[in-house]
N, C-alpha and C. Protein backbone atom coordinates (compact mmCIF):
# COMPACT_ATOMS: atom_id res chain seq x y z
N MET A 1 -7.46 14.19 2.20
CA MET A 1 -6.30 14.05 2.06
C MET A 1 -5.43 14.86 1.28
N PRO A 2 -4.07 15.43 1.44
CA PRO A 2 -3.14 16.60 0.60
C PRO A 2 -2.29 15.71 -0.29
N THR A 3 -2.36 16.39 -0.98
CA THR A 3 -1.86 15.25 -2.25
C THR A 3 0.18 15.73 -1.75
N THR A 4 0.89 16.23 -0.79
CA THR A 4 2.08 16.01 -0.63
C THR A 4 2.14 14.16 -0.25
N TYR A 5 0.91 14.42 0.99
CA TYR A 5 0.99 12.89 1.89
C TYR A 5 0.74 11.59 1.31
N LEU A 6 0.11 12.01 -0.10
CA LEU A 6 -0.07 10.20 -0.41
C LEU A 6 1.33 10.30 -1.47
N VAL A 7 1.61 11.67 -2.19
CA VAL A 7 2.92 10.98 -3.02
C VAL A 7 3.79 10.74 -2.02
N VAL A 8 4.29 11.14 -0.99
CA VAL A 8 5.43 10.93 0.07
C VAL A 8 5.52 9.41 0.62
N THR A 9 4.17 8.99 0.99
CA THR A 9 3.73 7.69 1.67
C THR A 9 3.44 6.75 0.47
N LEU A 10 2.76 7.56 -0.58
CA LEU A 10 3.69 6.33 -1.66
C LEU A 10 4.55 5.78 -2.18
N LEU A 11 5.48 6.73 -1.92
CA LEU A 11 7.28 6.64 -2.59
C LEU A 11 7.22 6.21 -1.17
N ALA A 12 7.61 5.87 0.04
CA ALA A 12 8.51 5.84 1.54
C ALA A 12 7.73 4.05 0.94
N ALA A 13 6.48 3.85 0.21
CA ALA A 13 5.79 2.31 0.70
C ALA A 13 6.51 1.80 -0.43
N ALA A 14 6.76 2.74 -1.50
CA ALA A 14 7.14 1.86 -2.64
C ALA A 14 8.90 1.49 -2.46
N MET A 15 9.40 2.47 -1.86
CA MET A 15 11.22 2.45 -2.07
C MET A 15 11.27 0.89 -0.64
N THR A 16 10.56 1.16 0.29
CA THR A 16 10.38 0.49 1.44
C THR A 16 9.69 -1.12 0.89
N GLY A 17 9.44 -0.88 -0.13
CA GLY A 17 8.45 -2.17 -0.92
C GLY A 17 9.51 -3.45 -1.54
N PHE A 18 10.35 -2.25 -2.71
CA PHE A 18 12.16 -2.62 -2.95
C PHE A 18 12.81 -3.10 -1.88
N SER A 19 12.47 -2.72 -1.35
CA SER A 19 14.43 -3.08 -0.84
C SER A 19 13.90 -4.69 0.26
N ALA A 20 12.55 -4.61 0.28
CA ALA A 20 12.22 -5.32 1.06
C ALA A 20 12.65 -6.83 -0.09
N GLY A 21 12.19 -6.44 -1.34
CA GLY A 21 11.99 -7.83 -2.41
C GLY A 21 13.33 -7.82 -2.80
N SER A 22 14.23 -7.20 -2.57
CA SER A 22 15.49 -6.90 -2.93
C SER A 22 16.41 -8.11 -1.94
N ALA A 23 15.31 -8.12 -0.31
CA ALA A 23 16.44 -8.49 0.35
C ALA A 23 15.56 -10.55 0.79
N PHE A 24 14.11 -10.69 0.11
CA PHE A 24 13.60 -12.18 -0.55
C PHE A 24 14.33 -12.17 -1.49
N LEU A 25 14.64 -11.36 -2.39
CA LEU A 25 15.69 -12.46 -3.76
C LEU A 25 16.72 -12.43 -3.66
N ARG A 26 17.54 -11.64 -2.35
CA ARG A 26 18.39 -12.12 -2.33
C ARG A 26 19.34 -11.68 -3.22
N ALA A 27 19.49 -10.04 -3.82
CA ALA A 27 20.25 -9.42 -4.50
C ALA A 27 21.53 -9.64 -4.12
N LYS A 28 22.83 -9.49 -4.98
CA LYS A 28 23.75 -9.40 -4.83
C LYS A 28 24.51 -8.16 -4.13
N TRP A 29 23.43 -6.57 -4.28
CA TRP A 29 23.86 -5.90 -3.45
C TRP A 29 23.84 -5.57 -2.52
N VAL A 30 22.75 -7.10 -1.48
CA VAL A 30 22.11 -6.52 -0.42
C VAL A 30 23.27 -7.72 0.32
N ILE A 31 23.44 -8.90 -0.37
CA ILE A 31 23.86 -10.36 -0.21
C ILE A 31 25.38 -9.77 0.69
N LYS A 32 26.71 -9.51 -0.45
CA LYS A 32 27.96 -8.95 0.21
C LYS A 32 27.56 -8.03 1.19
N PRO A 33 27.25 -6.55 1.49
CA PRO A 33 27.10 -6.16 2.88
C PRO A 33 26.64 -5.91 3.61
N ILE A 34 25.44 -7.51 3.99
CA ILE A 34 24.67 -8.25 4.74
C ILE A 34 26.00 -8.87 5.71
N ALA A 35 26.52 -9.63 4.78
CA ALA A 35 28.02 -10.10 5.40
C ALA A 35 28.53 -9.35 6.09
N ASP A 36 29.38 -8.03 5.52
CA ASP A 36 30.20 -7.34 6.01
C ASP A 36 29.55 -7.13 7.22
N TYR A 37 28.28 -6.55 7.38
CA TYR A 37 28.33 -5.64 8.97
C TYR A 37 28.49 -7.42 9.29
N GLY A 38 28.04 -8.29 9.38
CA GLY A 38 28.60 -9.51 10.40
C GLY A 38 26.74 -10.01 10.80
N ILE A 39 25.90 -9.52 9.50
CA ILE A 39 24.51 -10.36 10.00
C ILE A 39 24.33 -11.37 8.97
N PRO A 40 23.91 -12.40 9.86
CA PRO A 40 24.27 -13.84 9.58
C PRO A 40 22.78 -13.36 8.12
N ALA A 41 23.03 -14.46 7.09
CA ALA A 41 22.24 -14.28 5.93
C ALA A 41 20.69 -15.21 6.59
N SER A 42 20.91 -15.97 7.53
CA SER A 42 18.84 -16.38 7.82
C SER A 42 17.94 -15.16 8.51
N TRP A 43 18.84 -14.15 8.48
CA TRP A 43 17.91 -12.86 9.00
C TRP A 43 17.36 -11.98 7.58
N LEU A 44 17.69 -12.41 6.38
CA LEU A 44 16.99 -11.79 5.02
C LEU A 44 15.88 -12.15 5.06
N PRO A 45 15.02 -13.43 5.17
CA PRO A 45 13.65 -13.33 5.46
C PRO A 45 12.71 -12.45 6.00
N TRP A 46 13.68 -11.72 7.90
CA TRP A 46 12.87 -12.05 8.76
C TRP A 46 12.92 -10.31 8.09
N LEU A 47 13.74 -9.89 8.01
CA LEU A 47 14.55 -8.10 7.84
C LEU A 47 13.56 -7.87 6.67
N GLY A 48 13.15 -8.80 5.73
CA GLY A 48 13.07 -8.40 4.79
C GLY A 48 11.43 -8.40 5.30
N ALA A 49 10.89 -8.74 5.43
CA ALA A 49 9.03 -9.62 5.81
C ALA A 49 9.29 -7.79 7.47
N ALA A 50 10.08 -7.57 7.80
CA ALA A 50 9.63 -6.50 8.57
C ALA A 50 9.41 -4.65 7.40
N LYS A 51 10.21 -5.07 6.93
CA LYS A 51 9.56 -4.03 5.74
C LYS A 51 8.53 -3.87 4.85
N ALA A 52 8.27 -5.49 4.58
CA ALA A 52 7.24 -5.48 3.66
C ALA A 52 5.90 -4.53 4.82
N ALA A 53 6.19 -5.49 5.87
CA ALA A 53 5.00 -5.31 6.91
C ALA A 53 4.67 -3.29 6.77
N GLY A 54 5.83 -3.15 6.71
CA GLY A 54 6.18 -2.03 6.85
C GLY A 54 5.50 -0.84 5.60
N ALA A 55 5.79 -1.66 4.23
CA ALA A 55 5.57 -0.72 2.77
C ALA A 55 3.96 -1.13 3.26
N VAL A 56 3.22 -2.33 3.69
CA VAL A 56 2.00 -2.50 3.66
C VAL A 56 1.22 -1.03 4.76
N GLY A 57 1.83 -1.45 5.66
CA GLY A 57 1.45 -0.05 6.69
C GLY A 57 1.26 0.72 6.27
N LEU A 58 2.15 1.56 5.83
CA LEU A 58 1.95 2.68 5.11
C LEU A 58 1.13 3.05 4.47
N VAL A 59 0.94 2.01 3.10
CA VAL A 59 -0.43 2.21 2.99
C VAL A 59 -1.53 2.14 2.99
N VAL A 60 -1.68 1.42 4.26
CA VAL A 60 -3.33 1.33 4.77
C VAL A 60 -3.49 1.88 5.65
N GLY A 61 -2.73 2.57 5.95
CA GLY A 61 -2.40 3.53 6.87
C GLY A 61 -2.87 5.26 5.89
N LEU A 62 -2.81 5.33 4.55
CA LEU A 62 -3.53 5.96 3.94
C LEU A 62 -4.65 6.27 4.19
N PHE A 63 -5.31 4.97 4.88
CA PHE A 63 -7.06 5.49 5.14
C PHE A 63 -7.59 4.68 6.41
N VAL A 64 -6.45 4.62 6.75
CA VAL A 64 -6.57 3.80 8.74
C VAL A 64 -5.70 4.77 9.22
N PRO A 65 -5.35 6.44 9.36
CA PRO A 65 -4.60 6.53 10.26
C PRO A 65 -3.24 5.30 11.15
N VAL A 66 -3.85 5.25 11.88
CA VAL A 66 -3.22 5.07 12.98
C VAL A 66 -2.42 3.61 11.94
N ILE A 67 -2.36 3.11 11.65
CA ILE A 67 -1.87 2.38 11.30
C ILE A 67 -0.69 2.99 10.39
N GLY A 68 -0.88 3.70 9.80
CA GLY A 68 0.28 4.52 8.94
C GLY A 68 1.28 4.68 10.35
N ILE A 69 1.00 5.17 11.21
CA ILE A 69 1.15 5.84 12.40
C ILE A 69 2.71 4.65 13.22
N LEU A 70 1.70 3.67 12.82
CA LEU A 70 2.55 2.42 13.82
C LEU A 70 3.60 2.07 12.54
N ALA A 71 3.04 1.94 11.31
CA ALA A 71 4.29 1.13 10.54
C ALA A 71 5.28 2.05 9.98
N GLY A 72 4.81 3.87 10.11
CA GLY A 72 6.09 4.54 9.89
C GLY A 72 7.20 4.74 10.57
N THR A 73 6.67 4.77 12.64
CA THR A 73 6.86 4.80 13.98
C THR A 73 8.54 3.18 13.14
N GLY A 74 7.59 2.58 13.52
CA GLY A 74 8.14 0.69 13.20
C GLY A 74 9.60 1.13 12.20
N LEU A 75 9.28 1.61 10.73
CA LEU A 75 10.00 1.75 9.68
C LEU A 75 11.56 3.22 10.19
N VAL A 76 10.92 3.78 11.26
CA VAL A 76 12.14 4.51 11.38
C VAL A 76 12.77 3.91 12.30
N LEU A 77 11.95 3.27 12.66
CA LEU A 77 13.06 2.83 13.85
C LEU A 77 14.11 1.16 13.14
N TYR A 78 13.64 0.49 11.93
CA TYR A 78 14.42 -0.21 11.94
C TYR A 78 15.77 0.48 10.71
N PHE A 79 15.08 1.65 10.24
CA PHE A 79 16.22 2.11 9.69
C PHE A 79 17.37 3.28 10.66
N THR A 80 17.05 3.32 11.44
CA THR A 80 17.77 3.37 12.71
C THR A 80 18.67 2.55 13.51
N GLY A 81 18.13 1.56 13.00
CA GLY A 81 18.76 0.13 13.26
C GLY A 81 20.39 -0.27 12.56
N ALA A 82 19.45 0.02 11.14
CA ALA A 82 20.67 0.03 10.39
C ALA A 82 21.58 0.88 9.83
N VAL A 83 21.50 2.03 10.71
CA VAL A 83 22.42 2.73 9.91
C VAL A 83 23.28 2.71 11.60
N ILE A 84 23.32 2.43 12.70
CA ILE A 84 23.55 1.90 13.61
C ILE A 84 24.36 1.27 13.09
N THR A 85 23.74 0.23 12.58
CA THR A 85 24.89 -1.13 12.24
C THR A 85 25.95 -0.88 11.35
N VAL A 86 25.23 -0.62 10.26
CA VAL A 86 26.79 0.16 9.09
C VAL A 86 27.66 1.02 10.33
N ILE A 87 27.03 1.43 11.01
CA ILE A 87 28.70 2.52 11.85
C ILE A 87 29.26 2.01 12.93
N ARG A 88 28.62 0.69 13.37
CA ARG A 88 29.05 -0.97 14.08
C ARG A 88 29.93 -1.69 13.34
N SER A 89 29.76 -1.67 12.31
CA SER A 89 30.99 -2.68 11.04
C SER A 89 31.40 -1.47 10.71
N ARG A 90 31.84 0.15 10.26
CA ARG A 90 32.95 1.06 10.76
C ARG A 90 32.91 0.39 8.94
N ILE A 91 31.77 0.84 8.06
CA ILE A 91 32.01 0.41 6.67
C ILE A 91 31.20 2.53 6.45
N TYR A 92 31.76 3.15 6.53
CA TYR A 92 30.83 4.48 7.51
C TYR A 92 30.54 4.81 5.51
N SER A 93 31.01 4.68 4.39
CA SER A 93 30.72 4.58 3.42
C SER A 93 29.64 4.32 3.20
N HIS A 94 28.82 3.79 2.84
CA HIS A 94 27.44 2.81 2.93
C HIS A 94 26.28 3.51 4.24
N ILE A 95 26.66 4.58 4.93
CA ILE A 95 25.49 4.90 5.78
C ILE A 95 24.52 6.51 4.75
N PRO A 96 25.26 6.53 3.70
CA PRO A 96 23.71 7.35 2.50
C PRO A 96 23.01 5.85 2.34
N PHE A 97 22.78 4.75 2.30
CA PHE A 97 21.91 3.63 1.77
C PHE A 97 21.24 3.17 2.61
N PRO A 98 20.91 3.50 4.36
CA PRO A 98 19.41 3.47 4.94
C PRO A 98 19.41 4.77 5.63
N VAL A 99 19.63 5.65 5.23
CA VAL A 99 19.19 7.12 4.92
C VAL A 99 18.28 7.05 4.03
N VAL A 100 18.43 6.70 2.96
CA VAL A 100 17.67 7.12 1.65
C VAL A 100 16.58 6.43 2.03
N TYR A 101 16.57 5.57 2.44
CA TYR A 101 15.12 4.91 2.54
C TYR A 101 14.33 5.46 3.95
N ALA A 102 15.19 5.35 4.45
CA ALA A 102 14.29 6.35 5.49
C ALA A 102 13.75 8.00 5.76
N ALA A 103 14.47 8.17 4.82
CA ALA A 103 13.90 9.96 4.34
C ALA A 103 12.34 9.85 3.61
N PRO A 104 11.93 9.35 3.23
CA PRO A 104 10.61 9.19 2.83
C PRO A 104 9.56 8.80 3.90
N VAL A 105 10.46 7.71 4.40
CA VAL A 105 10.00 7.39 5.79
C VAL A 105 9.52 8.29 7.02
N VAL A 106 10.35 8.87 6.78
CA VAL A 106 10.06 10.12 8.14
C VAL A 106 9.85 11.04 7.95
N GLY A 107 9.49 11.37 6.33
CA GLY A 107 8.91 12.39 5.63
C GLY A 107 7.17 12.06 5.87
N ALA A 108 6.79 10.91 5.50
CA ALA A 108 5.15 10.59 5.82
C ALA A 108 5.05 10.90 6.45
N LEU A 109 6.10 9.83 7.81
CA LEU A 109 5.43 9.75 9.47
C LEU A 109 4.92 11.10 10.02
N ALA A 110 6.30 12.07 8.80
CA ALA A 110 5.84 14.00 9.73
C ALA A 110 4.38 14.54 9.11
N LEU A 111 4.33 13.83 7.96
CA LEU A 111 2.95 14.70 7.22
C LEU A 111 1.62 13.70 7.99
N ALA A 112 1.89 12.34 8.46
CA ALA A 112 0.95 11.75 8.49
C ALA A 112 0.50 12.38 10.18
N LEU A 113 1.63 12.23 11.24
CA LEU A 113 1.35 13.74 12.44
C LEU A 113 0.83 14.97 12.33
N ALA A 114 0.99 15.27 11.35
CA ALA A 114 0.41 16.57 11.00
C ALA A 114 -1.18 16.51 10.40
N ALA A 115 -1.29 15.94 9.77
CA ALA A 115 -2.68 15.58 9.67
C ALA A 115 -3.90 15.49 10.37
């Protein structure tokens, strides 16, 4: 297993796991923007669960590659939806936030597909 793949995948899993934890703990920096985007607060546990499952899937994918590819694909779709949601709310200054979380996931997925 190439070191780059391992490091990028673990970084993606850690960042996604942090994002999931922030949703579960209802951090202030999550609650306010979510409300501004028009997303009901009742969705936070589901959004956090999706990210947590993706983070776990990325780590499992280090041992079972198909799981990692599926998790990476799901997270790319999740963060694409997040970018679309931010754009629809017209809060353009927030676009970098989901992109920052998506970047290592895209890298991990690309490296998994290349392996």
